[in-house]
Amino acid sequence: MTPRARLETVGERPALRIERRLAHRPERVWRAVTEPSELAKWFPAAVVVDLRPGGTIEFTFEGEETLTTGKVLEADEPRVFAFSWNEDVLRWEIIPDGDGSRLLFTQTFGRGEPAIARIAAGRTAAGWDSCLVALTASLDGEEYEQPKDWVGPIEAYVEEFGLADGEVLETGDGKVIRFRRDLVWKPLDEVWALLTAEKTEGTIIREEPPRLLEFSLPQGGVVRWEFTHSDLDGTMVELTRTVPAGHDDVVPEALRSWREKLKEFFATAHGS
């Protein structure tokens, strides 16, 4: 069974760790993870690299003219290759293992508050799983076809990492239930259009398309949907519901129902 990615903490930062056993010597794996012609077979961007500590590494995604740059942090052939990319640190460690190798990959999320940086970990883990399957196929001389279902793998990691769970915050006059969910790179107009039903659930207090919807519930409390988008982090939603003092009994069901609603919202947004 293929090992799953793990979401851990390095220092105070969230980090993904993935391990793979490869039937190839470290020297061969080193070429696959450092040489641009080899990276082109499995890595999600075209790469140009000055392979030395302090050297520049450049990434260009298909269909994009603007490149992003990072810096090589370690280049210890054939054992360790590490570089920065948009404030994250990606590290590839290659360990001899019999007649093959163990590849240990770590991505440490370096941008923003740790709690916010974790939100996209499900999407990122599913993406790296696909990349590492493609890497293995490339090393083995086999063809690789990109998966057609991304919703399932992302949702599986969201569940494993606890990213679908809401939290309960204490306030001076009750509680606030809060969920934060990744919507990948869906355009804001598209996710906003999915809120049609929500607008009928209560009395609208504030509506600022395509970013903010706030309404009061007949049974008490206020629900707020707030969407954000950036080119680096994609699209995310923060959903909160206030629970007035003395109504703590509604919290468990509210956590359950909003959790399911956001799961359905993500699947609908991505055509599932």
Protein backbone atom coordinates (compact mmCIF):
# COMPACT_ATOMS: atom_id res chain seq x y z
CA MET A 1 0.00 0.00 0.00
CA THR A 2 1.38 3.43 -0.95
CA PRO A 3 2.25 5.46 2.18
CA ARG A 4 0.08 8.48 2.82
CA ALA A 5 1.35 12.01 3.29
CA ARG A 6 1.53 13.21 6.88
CA LEU A 7 0.76 16.70 8.14
CA GLU A 8 3.19 17.59 10.91
CA THR A 9 4.73 20.64 12.56
CA VAL A 10 8.33 21.74 12.03
CA GLY A 11 9.18 24.39 14.59
CA GLU A 12 5.94 26.36 14.56
CA ARG A 13 5.20 25.77 10.88
CA PRO A 14 2.92 23.13 9.31
CA ALA A 15 4.75 20.69 7.04
CA LEU A 16 3.86 17.80 4.75
CA ARG A 17 6.05 14.70 4.84
CA ILE A 18 5.88 11.98 2.19
CA GLU A 19 8.03 8.86 1.90
CA ARG A 20 8.46 6.55 -1.08
CA ARG A 21 10.54 3.42 -1.74
CA LEU A 22 12.05 3.61 -5.24
CA ALA A 23 13.68 0.71 -7.10
CA HIS A 24 16.56 2.90 -8.27
CA ARG A 25 19.92 3.90 -6.87
CA PRO A 26 20.32 7.36 -5.28
CA GLU A 27 22.37 8.65 -8.23
CA ARG A 28 19.48 7.94 -10.61
CA VAL A 29 16.89 9.46 -8.28
CA TRP A 30 19.10 12.52 -7.83
CA ARG A 31 19.04 13.18 -11.56
CA ALA A 32 15.26 12.77 -11.61
CA VAL A 33 14.71 15.42 -8.92
CA THR A 34 17.37 17.94 -10.01
CA GLU A 35 17.81 17.90 -13.80
CA PRO A 36 15.30 20.08 -15.72
CA SER A 37 14.88 17.52 -18.53
CA GLU A 38 14.01 14.85 -15.96
CA LEU A 39 11.80 17.16 -13.88
CA ALA A 40 9.79 17.95 -17.01
CA LYS A 41 8.51 14.35 -16.97
CA TRP A 42 6.78 14.62 -13.59
CA PHE A 43 7.16 17.99 -11.84
CA PRO A 44 4.20 20.43 -12.11
CA ALA A 45 6.27 23.28 -13.62
CA ALA A 46 9.15 23.80 -16.03
CA VAL A 47 12.32 24.32 -14.01
CA VAL A 48 15.60 26.14 -14.58
CA VAL A 49 18.11 25.73 -11.75
CA ASP A 50 21.60 26.84 -10.82
CA LEU A 51 22.36 23.70 -8.83
CA ARG A 52 24.45 25.04 -5.97
CA PRO A 53 23.64 26.47 -2.53
CA GLY A 54 22.52 30.05 -3.08
CA GLY A 55 21.75 29.40 -6.76
CA THR A 56 18.51 30.58 -8.33
CA ILE A 57 15.71 28.18 -9.22
CA GLU A 58 12.90 29.29 -11.57
CA PHE A 59 9.47 27.77 -12.15
CA THR A 60 7.05 28.34 -15.04
CA PHE A 61 3.66 26.67 -15.12
CA GLU A 62 2.00 25.67 -18.37
CA GLY A 63 -0.04 28.50 -19.83
CA GLU A 64 1.62 31.13 -17.64
CA GLU A 65 4.18 33.65 -18.82
CA THR A 66 5.22 34.89 -15.38
CA LEU A 67 7.82 32.77 -13.65
CA THR A 68 8.41 32.43 -9.93
CA THR A 69 11.84 32.19 -8.41
CA GLY A 70 13.38 30.57 -5.37
CA LYS A 71 16.78 29.81 -3.97
CA VAL A 72 18.68 26.54 -3.70
CA LEU A 73 19.29 25.89 -0.01
CA GLU A 74 21.04 22.52 -0.16
CA ALA A 75 22.60 20.60 -3.06
CA ASP A 76 24.47 17.64 -1.60
CA GLU A 77 24.66 15.15 -4.48
CA PRO A 78 23.19 12.53 -4.39
CA ARG A 79 21.65 12.89 -0.92
CA VAL A 80 19.84 16.18 -0.35
CA PHE A 81 18.24 18.80 -2.58
CA ALA A 82 16.33 21.65 -0.95
CA PHE A 83 15.02 24.96 -2.21
CA SER A 84 12.66 27.79 -1.32
CA TRP A 85 9.53 28.43 -3.35
CA ASN A 86 7.07 31.22 -2.49
CA GLU A 87 8.30 31.24 1.12
CA ASP A 88 7.86 27.45 1.43
CA VAL A 89 10.83 25.11 1.74
CA LEU A 90 10.86 21.88 -0.29
CA ARG A 91 13.41 19.25 0.68
CA TRP A 92 14.22 15.98 -1.07
CA GLU A 93 16.33 13.50 0.90
CA ILE A 94 17.54 10.36 -0.89
CA ILE A 95 18.67 7.46 1.30
CA PRO A 96 20.27 4.24 -0.02
CA ASP A 97 18.00 1.25 0.67
CA GLY A 98 19.26 -2.12 -0.55
CA ASP A 99 19.35 -2.03 -4.34
CA GLY A 100 17.11 1.05 -4.40
CA SER A 101 16.40 4.21 -2.43
CA ARG A 102 14.04 5.79 0.04
CA LEU A 103 12.88 9.25 -0.94
CA LEU A 104 11.83 11.51 1.92
CA PHE A 105 10.03 14.67 0.77
CA THR A 106 9.11 17.55 3.06
CA GLN A 107 7.28 20.76 2.24
CA THR A 108 7.27 23.29 5.06
CA PHE A 109 4.66 26.01 4.63
CA GLY A 110 6.33 29.32 5.34
CA ARG A 111 3.71 31.94 4.48
CA GLY A 112 1.06 33.41 6.75
CA GLU A 113 -0.32 32.31 10.09
CA PRO A 114 0.27 28.59 10.75
CA ALA A 115 -3.46 27.93 11.20
CA ILE A 116 -4.20 29.52 7.82
CA ALA A 117 -1.23 27.87 6.10
CA ARG A 118 -2.61 24.42 7.04
CA ILE A 119 -5.87 24.94 5.17
CA ALA A 120 -4.51 23.99 1.73
CA ALA A 121 -2.61 20.93 2.98
CA GLY A 122 -5.21 18.50 1.62
CA ARG A 123 -4.95 19.93 -1.89
CA THR A 124 -1.15 20.02 -1.69
CA ALA A 125 -0.83 16.45 -0.40
CA ALA A 126 -3.07 15.09 -3.16
CA GLY A 127 -1.03 17.02 -5.73
CA TRP A 128 2.27 15.63 -4.49
CA ASP A 129 0.87 12.10 -4.39
CA SER A 130 0.12 12.45 -8.10
CA CYS A 131 3.55 13.95 -8.82
CA LEU A 132 5.36 11.14 -6.99
CA VAL A 133 3.39 8.49 -8.85
CA ALA A 134 4.48 10.24 -12.06
CA LEU A 135 8.09 10.32 -10.78
CA THR A 136 8.02 6.59 -10.08
CA ALA A 137 6.57 5.88 -13.53
CA SER A 138 9.24 8.05 -15.15
CA LEU A 139 12.02 6.23 -13.32
CA ASP A 140 10.50 2.87 -14.29
CA GLY A 141 10.11 3.91 -17.93
CA GLU A 142 6.33 3.71 -17.79
CA GLU A 143 3.56 6.01 -18.97
CA TYR A 144 1.54 7.97 -16.43
CA GLU A 145 -1.95 9.40 -16.84
CA GLN A 146 -3.08 12.26 -14.61
CA PRO A 147 -6.03 11.32 -12.38
CA LYS A 148 -9.40 12.65 -13.45
CA ASP A 149 -10.84 12.72 -9.93
CA TRP A 150 -9.24 15.36 -7.71
CA VAL A 151 -12.18 15.91 -5.37
CA GLY A 152 -11.95 12.44 -3.81
CA PRO A 153 -8.20 12.51 -3.01
CA ILE A 154 -8.37 16.06 -1.67
CA GLU A 155 -11.39 15.32 0.52
CA ALA A 156 -9.70 12.16 1.85
CA TYR A 157 -6.71 14.20 3.03
CA VAL A 158 -8.95 16.96 4.38
CA GLU A 159 -10.60 14.32 6.58
CA GLU A 160 -7.30 12.68 7.60
CA PHE A 161 -5.74 15.98 8.58
CA GLY A 162 -8.80 17.20 10.48
CA LEU A 163 -9.19 20.17 8.14
CA ALA A 164 -12.94 19.65 7.78
CA ASP A 165 -13.55 20.12 11.50
CA GLY A 166 -14.94 23.31 12.91
CA GLU A 167 -13.87 25.01 16.11
CA VAL A 168 -15.82 26.65 18.89
CA LEU A 169 -14.65 30.06 20.09
CA GLU A 170 -15.81 31.70 23.31
CA THR A 171 -17.06 35.28 23.13
CA GLY A 172 -18.40 37.68 25.72
CA ASP A 173 -22.00 36.94 24.80
CA GLY A 174 -21.96 33.32 23.66
CA LYS A 175 -19.95 31.21 21.22
CA VAL A 176 -18.83 31.34 17.61
CA ILE A 177 -18.55 28.23 15.46
CA ARG A 178 -15.89 28.67 12.77
CA PHE A 179 -14.87 26.63 9.73
CA ARG A 180 -12.12 27.42 7.25
CA ARG A 181 -12.06 25.45 4.02
CA ASP A 182 -9.91 25.40 0.92
CA LEU A 183 -11.71 25.84 -2.41
CA VAL A 184 -8.51 25.47 -4.46
CA TRP A 185 -8.39 28.11 -7.23
CA LYS A 186 -12.08 28.40 -8.02
CA PRO A 187 -12.98 31.93 -9.25
CA LEU A 188 -14.85 33.96 -6.65
CA ASP A 189 -17.80 34.58 -9.00
CA GLU A 190 -18.31 30.83 -9.38
CA VAL A 191 -18.35 30.03 -5.67
CA TRP A 192 -20.53 33.04 -4.92
CA ALA A 193 -23.13 31.79 -7.40
CA LEU A 194 -23.53 28.65 -5.28
CA LEU A 195 -24.91 30.62 -2.32
CA THR A 196 -28.41 31.04 -3.79
CA ALA A 197 -30.06 28.65 -1.31
CA GLU A 198 -28.22 30.14 1.68
CA LYS A 199 -29.75 33.54 0.96
CA THR A 200 -33.19 32.12 1.82
CA GLU A 201 -32.20 30.67 5.20
CA GLY A 202 -32.52 33.92 7.13
CA THR A 203 -32.63 37.70 6.93
CA ILE A 204 -29.72 39.15 4.99
CA ILE A 205 -27.75 41.67 7.04
CA ARG A 206 -24.87 42.30 4.69
CA GLU A 207 -24.17 41.24 1.12
CA GLU A 208 -20.99 42.20 -0.77
CA PRO A 209 -20.66 39.99 -3.88
CA PRO A 210 -18.56 37.98 -4.45
CA ARG A 211 -16.86 38.02 -1.05
CA LEU A 212 -19.25 38.41 1.86
CA LEU A 213 -22.72 37.21 2.86
CA GLU A 214 -24.10 37.64 6.37
CA PHE A 215 -27.59 36.75 7.56
CA SER A 216 -29.46 36.23 10.81
CA LEU A 217 -31.19 32.92 11.54
CA PRO A 218 -34.84 32.71 12.68
CA GLN A 219 -33.76 30.60 15.66
CA GLY A 220 -31.11 33.11 16.68
CA GLY A 221 -27.51 33.70 15.71
CA VAL A 222 -25.76 35.11 12.66
CA VAL A 223 -24.13 33.18 9.80
CA ARG A 224 -21.30 34.74 7.82
CA TRP A 225 -19.72 33.42 4.62
CA GLU A 226 -16.48 35.18 3.66
CA PHE A 227 -14.42 34.26 0.59
CA THR A 228 -10.82 35.23 -0.09
CA HIS A 229 -8.62 34.67 -3.12
CA SER A 230 -4.96 35.17 -3.98
CA ASP A 231 -2.78 33.96 -6.82
CA LEU A 232 -0.46 32.20 -4.35
CA ASP A 233 -2.97 30.64 -1.97
CA GLY A 234 -6.02 30.11 -4.14
CA THR A 235 -9.62 30.48 -2.95
CA MET A 236 -10.75 29.89 0.62
CA VAL A 237 -13.92 30.31 2.62
CA GLU A 238 -14.38 31.12 6.28
CA LEU A 239 -17.81 30.34 7.66
CA THR A 240 -18.91 31.43 11.11
CA ARG A 241 -22.12 31.06 13.06
CA THR A 242 -22.75 32.85 16.32
CA VAL A 243 -24.51 31.02 19.14
CA PRO A 244 -26.13 33.32 21.72
CA ALA A 245 -25.44 32.74 25.41
CA GLY A 246 -27.70 30.11 26.91
CA HIS A 247 -28.03 28.11 23.67
CA ASP A 248 -25.01 25.81 23.99
CA ASP A 249 -27.23 22.83 23.27
CA VAL A 250 -27.32 23.72 19.56
CA VAL A 251 -23.52 23.63 19.17
CA PRO A 252 -23.01 19.88 18.45
CA GLU A 253 -25.67 19.76 15.75
CA ALA A 254 -24.49 23.05 14.25
CA LEU A 255 -20.94 21.70 14.02
CA ARG A 256 -22.17 18.54 12.33
CA SER A 257 -24.56 20.19 9.89
CA TRP A 258 -22.18 22.97 8.78
CA ARG A 259 -19.38 20.46 8.37
CA GLU A 260 -21.54 18.46 5.96
CA LYS A 261 -22.76 21.57 4.18
CA LEU A 262 -19.19 22.69 3.49
CA LYS A 263 -18.26 19.24 2.24
CA GLU A 264 -21.17 19.38 -0.20
CA PHE A 265 -20.25 22.96 -1.13
CA PHE A 266 -16.70 21.92 -2.05
CA ALA A 267 -17.93 18.96 -4.12
CA THR A 268 -20.49 21.11 -5.95
CA ALA A 269 -17.91 23.81 -6.66
CA HIS A 270 -15.71 21.21 -8.31
CA GLY A 271 -18.43 19.47 -10.28
CA SER A 272 -18.74 16.36 -8.17
